[in-house]
Each structure stands twice: as C-alpha cells, then as structure tokens.
C-alpha cells in the first residue's frame, strides 16, 4: 500500500537568534564598544508535526511564541538553525521555482499590493511573475471577484481602500496562481465582524474547491472555530498541543456550563452546581464535566425548565489555560 506523504513535515525544528544585550547607562554603552555581550534566544525550540494535504490547521500561540518565525521557515524566508523540514516534498529555504509556484504567504500586517495603483494592476503584475496564461488568469480573476465581491474595488488605487477591502484584494492576489499550500498569518486582523465572516467563508470555500492545505495563525478564536478541526499550539517555541479542537477542550477543562431558563430564580440551584449568574429567569451553572449528564437529568426532573443548553467554556478561556500550564 502506497502512503501519501504529508504536505508539511517538521522534525525537531529550531530557530535561534543571537542578539546583543547591555545594561542601561553611558558606562554600559562605552563598555559595549569594547566587549559586547551576546545571548541566544530560541524562537522555535524543537517542534515536530505533520500536516496532511487538504487540511486546515490552526497554528496558535501568544505573541512571541514562534508562530510567525515558523511560517517564515515553512515558506522559505528563513533558514532554520537545526531540524528537518519539507513542504510539498521540497526543502523551503532552497527557494526553488517549482516550490515557490505552489505556495503563498498572506500576512495581515504586510502589504503585497502596490500602494499607488489599482489592485487590478497588481494582479497583472502577479500574472507576469507567475507566468499565468491569459485565459486562465481571466477565469481566476472572475472567480475570485465573485467569491470575494471585489467588483467595485479593482479599479481603485489601493491607498483608497478600507482595511477590509484591501485585505480581500491581498488574499485574491496571493491566490491567483492557485497555490497548493496557503500560509495565513492573522488574515482577519483589524477587520469588522461582517468582513471577518466573509474572509472565513472564502478560505473554507477555496479549500473545498482546490484541496489546498491551509496553515492559519490567528488571535481571534472565531477564525479557528469556524475553519479548523485541528489545532497546533506552541508557547515559548515549544509544542504544547497537537490534536482535534474538541480534544483540546476536553483535555484542558474540567467543567461545562449549563444554562437553564426558568420562570424565576427563587429556587435554590446551589445543589446542582456553582451558580454563575441569574437574571430574568436565566440561570447559568458551572458543573463538573463528569456530572453534566446527571445534573441535566435532575434539573429537568425537579424544576419547571422551559429551555436548557449545555456549553463548553469559551475557546479563548481554554487556550488561556493551555498557555498558563506552559508545559507539553
């Protein structure tokens, strides 16, 4: 039986920076001219994982965790200090043309569009760079324009676009060459709720239509919940978790939330769990995960319940708990 190799293969990947350090003050400044003290900082410290073709994986961590550094190594912008790395069967930092034609990197805080010309002209520039046949280019622009609703934006100078409009054009420009590997670094940062939903919907649709592999970093957990079944979490350069999003919740939380709608809050609900809030007959209880089913049965049997829902803690709280734990 032939086994399909992973789209991304990472083994003991490391990236260490050597930086100068000195104390404050004139004396320390003069001393550093003669002898400069240097320290090593491990931005990525021995992480390993695989990503299969067609997956959308959330790559999460707090600021300074090593996410962007890892994406830059995966896309060939940085050379790792140590470890093994392959993307689509290629070694990224060799920057071979065949590899570069199959990947794209979209960074929410960076521009690739030329500021003073219309987005359509930047699209034409990308067509020339990637040598996209004219007929294919026209078809792709039409498809991306429909999916992202770009029609009225393409002829405006990029400087006149709002942040959300520019981000849509940035994503379209990055996908004109139909990459098989898409690295997204905070693609919805700074966007309003409506625009965030459109971007998420487009990413999911692009993945469905093309089978592209997507590695997504975001501090907005709504992006992760909407797009990713699997998440990889790193902290201080080390891997903390790699698995299903649902497994993350069950592993790092001991409680569930039960929300009960009653006629009033006069009943004493403390025997059922910790009462978090009670307002207008809507009672929120925190109960042990193992006791959730039994507590739900008791509530329905004992009280005049008009509505009941069982919820996991917000994913933001779960991620914060993972960071606080801080060890693999």
Protein backbone atom coordinates (compact mmCIF):
# COMPACT_ATOMS: atom_id res chain seq x y z
CA UNK A 1 0.00 0.00 0.00
CA UNK A 2 1.36 3.41 -1.01
CA UNK A 3 1.29 6.04 1.73
CA UNK A 4 0.78 9.64 0.68
CA UNK A 5 3.49 11.83 2.23
CA UNK A 6 2.31 14.75 4.38
CA UNK A 7 2.07 18.19 2.79
CA UNK A 8 4.16 19.56 5.70
CA UNK A 9 6.69 17.51 7.62
CA UNK A 10 8.53 19.10 10.56
CA UNK A 11 11.05 17.29 12.77
CA UNK A 12 12.83 18.90 15.73
CA UNK A 13 12.71 22.31 14.05
CA UNK A 14 14.76 25.03 15.74
CA UNK A 15 15.50 28.70 15.12
CA UNK A 16 17.91 30.52 17.40
CA UNK A 17 18.81 34.21 17.21
CA UNK A 18 21.99 35.72 18.66
CA UNK A 19 21.32 39.22 19.98
CA UNK A 20 23.41 41.82 21.78
CA UNK A 21 22.47 42.78 25.33
CA UNK A 22 23.68 45.51 27.65
CA UNK A 23 22.54 47.40 30.71
CA UNK A 24 21.24 50.96 30.56
CA UNK A 25 23.54 53.94 31.08
CA UNK A 26 26.52 55.67 29.48
CA UNK A 27 29.10 53.47 31.22
CA UNK A 28 27.46 50.31 29.90
CA UNK A 29 27.27 51.86 26.43
CA UNK A 30 31.02 52.60 26.41
CA UNK A 31 31.83 49.14 27.74
CA UNK A 32 29.77 47.55 24.96
CA UNK A 33 32.02 49.22 22.38
CA UNK A 34 34.90 47.07 23.59
CA UNK A 35 33.12 43.88 24.60
CA UNK A 36 29.56 43.22 23.50
CA UNK A 37 27.62 40.69 25.47
CA UNK A 38 25.57 38.34 23.33
CA UNK A 39 22.81 35.92 24.25
CA UNK A 40 20.95 33.23 22.33
CA UNK A 41 17.17 33.35 22.06
CA UNK A 42 15.32 30.23 20.94
CA UNK A 43 12.40 31.48 18.86
CA UNK A 44 11.48 27.91 17.86
CA UNK A 45 12.74 25.17 20.14
CA UNK A 46 12.46 21.65 18.73
CA UNK A 47 8.90 21.33 17.42
CA UNK A 48 7.68 18.38 15.31
CA UNK A 49 4.39 17.86 13.46
CA UNK A 50 2.86 16.72 10.16
CA UNK A 51 0.03 18.32 8.17
CA UNK A 52 -1.78 16.23 5.57
CA UNK A 53 -2.77 17.52 2.16
CA UNK A 54 -6.10 19.39 2.22
CA UNK A 55 -6.16 20.05 5.98
CA UNK A 56 -6.96 23.44 7.51
CA UNK A 57 -4.94 23.59 10.73
CA UNK A 58 -4.91 26.34 13.34
CA UNK A 59 -1.38 27.26 14.45
CA UNK A 60 -1.80 29.05 17.76
CA UNK A 61 0.24 30.70 20.46
CA UNK A 62 0.66 34.00 22.33
CA UNK A 63 2.76 36.86 20.97
CA UNK A 64 6.39 35.78 20.79
CA UNK A 65 5.54 32.05 20.76
CA UNK A 66 7.34 31.45 17.46
CA UNK A 67 4.36 31.22 15.10
CA UNK A 68 5.45 33.76 12.51
CA UNK A 69 9.05 32.52 12.67
CA UNK A 70 7.80 29.01 11.90
CA UNK A 71 5.68 30.25 8.99
CA UNK A 72 8.69 32.07 7.57
CA UNK A 73 10.76 28.89 7.74
CA UNK A 74 7.96 26.88 6.14
CA UNK A 75 7.69 29.39 3.30
CA UNK A 76 11.46 29.60 2.81
CA UNK A 77 12.01 33.14 4.09
CA UNK A 78 14.18 31.93 6.98
CA UNK A 79 16.74 29.17 7.25
CA UNK A 80 16.31 27.02 10.40
CA UNK A 81 19.14 26.65 12.87
CA UNK A 82 18.53 22.89 13.10
CA UNK A 83 15.98 20.22 12.32
CA UNK A 84 14.30 18.73 9.27
CA UNK A 85 11.59 20.42 7.22
CA UNK A 86 9.78 19.67 3.98
CA UNK A 87 6.78 21.34 2.35
CA UNK A 88 5.12 19.66 -0.64
CA UNK A 89 8.18 17.43 -0.81
CA UNK A 90 10.59 20.39 -1.17
CA UNK A 91 13.13 21.99 1.15
CA UNK A 92 11.69 25.51 1.58
CA UNK A 93 14.88 27.55 2.06
CA UNK A 94 16.27 26.36 -1.26
CA UNK A 95 13.61 28.62 -2.84
CA UNK A 96 13.26 26.51 -5.96
CA UNK A 97 10.90 27.94 -8.58
CA UNK A 98 8.70 24.85 -8.65
CA UNK A 99 8.20 25.15 -4.89
CA UNK A 100 7.51 28.90 -4.90
CA UNK A 101 4.83 28.47 -7.56
CA UNK A 102 2.89 26.17 -5.22
CA UNK A 103 2.83 28.25 -2.01
CA UNK A 104 1.63 31.61 -0.78
CA UNK A 105 2.05 33.56 2.46
CA UNK A 106 -0.55 36.14 3.49
CA UNK A 107 0.34 38.32 6.46
CA UNK A 108 -2.43 40.55 7.79
CA UNK A 109 0.01 43.31 8.75
CA UNK A 110 2.02 43.32 5.49
CA UNK A 111 1.22 44.67 2.03
CA UNK A 112 1.99 42.96 -1.25
CA UNK A 113 -0.22 45.22 -3.39
CA UNK A 114 1.38 48.34 -4.87
CA UNK A 115 0.03 51.28 -2.87
CA UNK A 116 -0.49 53.87 -5.62
CA UNK A 117 -2.02 51.78 -8.40
CA UNK A 118 -5.31 49.88 -8.66
CA UNK A 119 -5.45 46.34 -7.31
CA UNK A 120 -6.17 45.09 -10.84
CA UNK A 121 -2.73 46.32 -11.96
CA UNK A 122 -1.07 44.43 -9.08
CA UNK A 123 -2.97 41.35 -10.22
CA UNK A 124 -1.48 41.82 -13.69
CA UNK A 125 1.97 42.07 -12.13
CA UNK A 126 1.43 38.75 -10.34
CA UNK A 127 0.23 37.23 -13.62
CA UNK A 128 3.54 38.16 -15.21
CA UNK A 129 5.62 36.94 -12.25
CA UNK A 130 3.91 33.53 -12.16
CA UNK A 131 3.52 33.37 -15.95
CA UNK A 132 -0.18 32.59 -15.72
CA UNK A 133 -1.72 32.08 -19.19
CA UNK A 134 -4.06 34.94 -20.09
CA UNK A 135 -7.17 32.77 -20.37
CA UNK A 136 -6.50 31.11 -17.00
CA UNK A 137 -5.80 34.49 -15.43
CA UNK A 138 -9.08 36.00 -16.63
CA UNK A 139 -11.01 32.99 -15.37
CA UNK A 140 -9.29 33.10 -11.96
CA UNK A 141 -9.85 36.83 -11.53
CA UNK A 142 -13.52 36.39 -12.37
CA UNK A 143 -13.86 33.52 -9.90
CA UNK A 144 -12.06 35.36 -7.09
CA UNK A 145 -14.01 38.55 -7.81
CA UNK A 146 -17.29 36.69 -7.40
CA UNK A 147 -16.24 34.83 -4.25
CA UNK A 148 -14.82 37.92 -2.53
CA UNK A 149 -17.15 40.54 -4.04
CA UNK A 150 -14.27 42.57 -5.47
CA UNK A 151 -16.05 44.10 -8.48
CA UNK A 152 -16.11 47.80 -7.46
CA UNK A 153 -12.69 47.63 -5.76
CA UNK A 154 -10.36 46.50 -8.52
CA UNK A 155 -10.04 49.88 -10.25
CA UNK A 156 -9.45 51.92 -7.10
CA UNK A 157 -5.90 52.78 -6.01
CA UNK A 158 -5.01 50.55 -3.09
CA UNK A 159 -4.42 53.56 -0.84
CA UNK A 160 -8.13 54.44 -1.20
CA UNK A 161 -9.37 51.06 0.01
CA UNK A 162 -10.51 50.39 3.55
CA UNK A 163 -8.61 47.82 5.59
CA UNK A 164 -11.22 45.14 4.92
CA UNK A 165 -11.35 45.92 1.20
CA UNK A 166 -7.56 45.85 0.95
CA UNK A 167 -7.39 42.54 2.82
CA UNK A 168 -9.80 40.94 0.36
CA UNK A 169 -7.67 42.15 -2.54
CA UNK A 170 -4.47 40.96 -0.81
CA UNK A 171 -5.91 37.46 -0.43
CA UNK A 172 -7.10 37.39 -4.04
CA UNK A 173 -3.67 38.49 -5.30
CA UNK A 174 -2.00 35.78 -3.22
CA UNK A 175 -4.21 33.05 -4.70
CA UNK A 176 -4.10 33.96 -8.40
CA UNK A 177 -1.52 31.24 -9.10
CA UNK A 178 -3.67 28.57 -7.41
CA UNK A 179 -1.21 27.63 -4.63
CA UNK A 180 -1.46 24.18 -3.11
CA UNK A 181 -0.09 25.47 0.22
CA UNK A 182 -1.54 28.56 1.88
CA UNK A 183 0.06 30.13 4.95
CA UNK A 184 -2.22 32.70 6.60
CA UNK A 185 -0.82 34.91 9.37
CA UNK A 186 -3.64 36.86 11.07
CA UNK A 187 -5.74 37.25 7.89
CA UNK A 188 -8.70 38.91 9.67
CA UNK A 189 -6.77 41.24 12.00
CA UNK A 190 -8.43 44.65 12.35
CA UNK A 191 -11.50 43.71 10.28
CA UNK A 192 -15.11 44.21 11.32
CA UNK A 193 -17.34 41.23 12.10
CA UNK A 194 -19.02 41.15 8.70
CA UNK A 195 -15.72 41.23 6.81
CA UNK A 196 -14.23 38.57 9.09
CA UNK A 197 -17.10 36.23 8.25
CA UNK A 198 -16.65 36.83 4.52
CA UNK A 199 -12.93 36.10 4.71
CA UNK A 200 -13.54 32.90 6.71
CA UNK A 201 -16.20 31.77 4.28
CA UNK A 202 -13.89 32.40 1.36
CA UNK A 203 -10.99 30.44 2.92
CA UNK A 204 -13.28 27.47 3.56
CA UNK A 205 -14.64 27.61 0.00
CA UNK A 206 -11.15 27.90 -1.52
CA UNK A 207 -10.06 24.84 0.46
CA UNK A 208 -13.14 22.92 -0.68
CA UNK A 209 -12.74 23.83 -4.35
CA UNK A 210 -8.98 23.35 -4.70
CA UNK A 211 -7.99 20.93 -1.94
CA UNK A 212 -5.28 23.34 -0.84
CA UNK A 213 -3.60 22.84 2.53
CA UNK A 214 -4.03 25.80 4.89
CA UNK A 215 -1.99 26.66 7.98
CA UNK A 216 -3.66 29.51 9.85
CA UNK A 217 -2.43 31.66 12.72
CA UNK A 218 -4.89 33.95 14.48
CA UNK A 219 -5.54 35.51 17.86
CA UNK A 220 -9.25 35.57 17.00
CA UNK A 221 -10.61 32.22 18.13
CA UNK A 222 -13.69 32.73 15.95
CA UNK A 223 -11.39 32.16 12.96
CA UNK A 224 -10.18 28.90 14.49
CA UNK A 225 -13.61 27.62 15.48
CA UNK A 226 -15.05 28.40 12.04
CA UNK A 227 -12.26 26.85 9.98
CA UNK A 228 -10.12 24.38 11.93
CA UNK A 229 -10.87 20.91 13.18
CA UNK A 230 -7.28 20.52 14.33
CA UNK A 231 -5.01 22.93 16.20
CA UNK A 232 -1.31 23.05 16.96
CA UNK A 233 -0.34 25.18 19.96
CA UNK A 234 3.17 26.42 20.69
CA UNK A 235 4.43 28.55 23.55
CA UNK A 236 7.96 29.90 24.02
CA UNK A 237 8.98 27.96 20.93
CA UNK A 238 7.82 24.57 22.25
CA UNK A 239 4.90 22.40 21.17
CA UNK A 240 2.16 22.24 23.81
CA UNK A 241 -0.69 20.54 21.96
CA UNK A 242 -1.43 18.94 18.60
CA UNK A 243 -4.84 17.45 18.03
CA UNK A 244 -8.54 17.96 17.44
CA UNK A 245 -10.07 21.18 18.70
CA UNK A 246 -12.71 19.15 20.54
CA UNK A 247 -9.98 17.14 22.29
CA UNK A 248 -8.31 20.37 23.38
CA UNK A 249 -11.47 21.45 25.17
CA UNK A 250 -11.99 18.12 26.93
CA UNK A 251 -8.34 17.79 27.94
CA UNK A 252 -7.84 21.24 29.44
CA UNK A 253 -11.22 21.95 31.03
CA UNK A 254 -12.85 20.19 33.95
CA UNK A 255 -16.24 21.95 33.77
CA UNK A 256 -19.15 22.59 31.47
CA UNK A 257 -21.74 25.35 31.58
CA UNK A 258 -25.47 24.62 31.84
CA UNK A 259 -27.82 27.49 31.01
CA UNK A 260 -31.38 26.97 32.28
CA UNK A 261 -34.39 29.16 31.51
CA UNK A 262 -36.85 29.22 34.44
CA UNK A 263 -39.87 31.31 35.33
CA UNK A 264 -37.90 32.90 38.17
CA UNK A 265 -34.64 32.50 40.09
CA UNK A 266 -36.16 31.91 43.52
CA UNK A 267 -35.35 28.21 43.53
CA UNK A 268 -32.08 27.35 45.26
CA UNK A 269 -29.93 25.88 42.49
CA UNK A 270 -26.75 25.53 44.51
CA UNK A 271 -27.25 21.75 44.96
CA UNK A 272 -26.99 21.39 41.19
CA UNK A 273 -23.72 23.25 40.70
CA UNK A 274 -21.98 26.60 41.02
CA UNK A 275 -24.40 29.42 40.21
CA UNK A 276 -22.53 31.81 37.94
CA UNK A 277 -25.42 34.18 37.20
CA UNK A 278 -29.18 34.51 37.50
CA UNK A 279 -31.09 37.15 35.57
CA UNK A 280 -34.69 37.24 34.33
CA UNK A 281 -35.11 33.53 34.96
CA UNK A 282 -31.95 32.63 33.03
CA UNK A 283 -29.59 30.71 35.32
CA UNK A 284 -26.03 29.82 34.40
CA UNK A 285 -24.46 26.92 36.28
CA UNK A 286 -20.89 25.60 36.21
CA UNK A 287 -20.75 21.85 36.78
CA UNK A 288 -18.06 19.19 36.67
CA UNK A 289 -17.74 17.68 33.19
CA UNK A 290 -18.33 14.16 34.52
CA UNK A 291 -21.54 15.27 36.27
CA UNK A 292 -23.08 17.12 33.32
CA UNK A 293 -25.47 14.40 32.14
CA UNK A 294 -26.70 13.55 35.63
CA UNK A 295 -27.16 17.22 36.59
CA UNK A 296 -29.12 17.88 33.40
CA UNK A 297 -31.47 14.98 34.19
CA UNK A 298 -32.04 16.28 37.74
CA UNK A 299 -32.77 19.81 36.54
CA UNK A 300 -35.34 18.62 34.01
CA UNK A 301 -36.97 16.29 36.56
CA UNK A 302 -37.02 18.71 39.53
CA UNK A 303 -37.73 22.15 38.01
CA UNK A 304 -40.13 23.77 35.51
CA UNK A 305 -37.47 24.22 32.82
CA UNK A 306 -38.57 25.94 29.60
CA UNK A 307 -35.14 25.76 27.92
CA UNK A 308 -31.76 24.20 28.67
CA UNK A 309 -28.42 24.27 26.88
CA UNK A 310 -25.06 22.67 27.71
CA UNK A 311 -21.96 24.53 26.56
CA UNK A 312 -18.22 24.09 26.67
CA UNK A 313 -16.20 27.01 28.08
CA UNK A 314 -15.30 29.68 25.50
CA UNK A 315 -12.35 28.54 23.42
CA UNK A 316 -10.48 31.70 24.47
CA UNK A 317 -10.60 30.50 28.09
CA UNK A 318 -9.36 27.05 27.10
CA UNK A 319 -6.43 28.47 25.14
CA UNK A 320 -5.53 30.75 28.05
CA UNK A 321 -5.49 27.71 30.34
CA UNK A 322 -3.12 25.92 27.95
CA UNK A 323 -0.76 28.92 27.91
CA UNK A 324 -0.89 29.15 31.71
CA UNK A 325 0.05 25.50 32.03
CA UNK A 326 3.01 26.20 29.75
CA UNK A 327 4.45 22.68 29.55
CA UNK A 328 3.98 19.95 26.93
